[in-house]
Amino acid sequence: MLLQETKDYVEDVLLPDYMNGFNSANFIASCFLSDLDELSMHEDLCSLTDMSKNILKNRKEFTDYVVKAFQDVEADNGSD
């Protein structure tokens, strides 16, 4: 189960930073997961936060949440 902190991060940081009109929701999620995978392989240099661990543990739910949040933002922007 995704933490509320993770959901807030997706809505407040991840999507605003990566929604550029070219990236798809799945692309954003997969790139982010790839970056976390890379960081997790170097635990001798850095430690993952609880939020990062939660995302890696719940990959499918994270991807599904990013897709839904992405669609919600698009719908909100389309109704302006």
Protein backbone atom coordinates (compact mmCIF):
# COMPACT_ATOMS: atom_id res chain seq x y z
CA MET A 1 0.00 0.00 0.00
CA LEU A 2 1.34 3.41 -0.95
CA LEU A 3 1.97 5.89 1.84
CA GLN A 4 0.11 9.21 1.73
CA GLU A 5 3.55 10.84 1.60
CA THR A 6 4.17 9.02 -1.69
CA LYS A 7 0.84 10.13 -3.17
CA ASP A 8 1.53 13.73 -2.15
CA TYR A 9 4.99 13.52 -3.73
CA VAL A 10 3.51 12.28 -7.02
CA GLU A 11 0.96 15.11 -7.13
CA ASP A 12 3.12 17.94 -5.77
CA VAL A 13 6.59 17.16 -7.16
CA LEU A 14 6.84 14.30 -9.64
CA LEU A 15 4.09 15.25 -12.07
CA PRO A 16 4.70 19.01 -12.04
CA ASP A 17 8.40 18.39 -12.74
CA TYR A 18 7.93 15.77 -15.48
CA MET A 19 4.67 16.65 -17.26
CA ASN A 20 6.16 18.53 -20.18
CA GLY A 21 3.69 17.69 -22.93
CA PHE A 22 5.91 14.92 -24.28
CA ASN A 23 6.16 12.40 -21.43
CA SER A 24 3.45 9.83 -20.82
CA ALA A 25 2.41 8.75 -17.34
CA ASN A 26 3.92 5.30 -17.83
CA PHE A 27 7.18 6.85 -19.04
CA ILE A 28 7.35 9.07 -15.95
CA ALA A 29 6.71 6.15 -13.60
CA SER A 30 9.14 3.79 -15.33
CA CYS A 31 11.95 6.39 -15.42
CA PHE A 32 11.43 7.19 -11.77
CA LEU A 33 11.46 3.50 -10.83
CA SER A 34 14.59 2.98 -12.91
CA ASP A 35 16.33 5.81 -11.06
CA LEU A 36 15.33 4.32 -7.70
CA ASP A 37 16.59 0.91 -8.81
CA GLU A 38 19.93 2.47 -9.69
CA LEU A 39 20.18 4.21 -6.33
CA SER A 40 19.21 1.08 -4.44
CA MET A 41 22.17 -0.75 -5.99
CA HIS A 42 24.54 1.73 -4.33
CA GLU A 43 23.47 1.47 -0.71
CA ASP A 44 27.09 1.87 0.33
CA LEU A 45 26.92 5.45 -1.00
CA CYS A 46 23.36 6.44 -0.15
CA SER A 47 20.36 5.21 1.80
CA LEU A 48 16.87 5.12 0.44
CA THR A 49 14.16 6.99 2.32
CA ASP A 50 11.11 5.19 3.64
CA MET A 51 9.13 6.73 0.79
CA SER A 52 11.56 5.34 -1.80
CA LYS A 53 11.42 1.91 -0.22
CA ASN A 54 7.62 2.10 -0.23
CA ILE A 55 7.61 2.95 -3.94
CA LEU A 56 9.94 0.08 -4.82
CA LYS A 57 7.90 -2.34 -2.73
CA ASN A 58 4.66 -1.27 -4.44
CA ARG A 59 5.77 -0.74 -8.05
CA LYS A 60 2.48 -1.65 -9.74
CA GLU A 61 0.40 0.44 -7.36
CA PHE A 62 2.84 3.34 -7.80
CA THR A 63 2.61 3.13 -11.60
CA ASP A 64 -1.18 2.89 -11.46
CA TYR A 65 -1.31 5.89 -9.13
CA VAL A 66 0.96 7.97 -11.38
CA VAL A 67 -1.25 7.13 -14.38
CA LYS A 68 -4.43 8.09 -12.51
CA ALA A 69 -2.95 11.31 -11.11
CA PHE A 70 -1.63 12.18 -14.59
CA GLN A 71 -5.11 11.68 -16.07
CA ASP A 72 -6.66 13.78 -13.30
CA VAL A 73 -4.26 16.66 -14.02
CA GLU A 74 -4.98 16.42 -17.74
CA ALA A 75 -8.74 16.44 -17.08
CA ASP A 76 -8.43 19.45 -14.76
CA ASN A 77 -6.36 21.33 -17.33
CA GLY A 78 -8.83 20.50 -20.07
CA SER A 79 -11.75 21.96 -18.12
CA ASP A 80 -10.17 25.43 -17.81
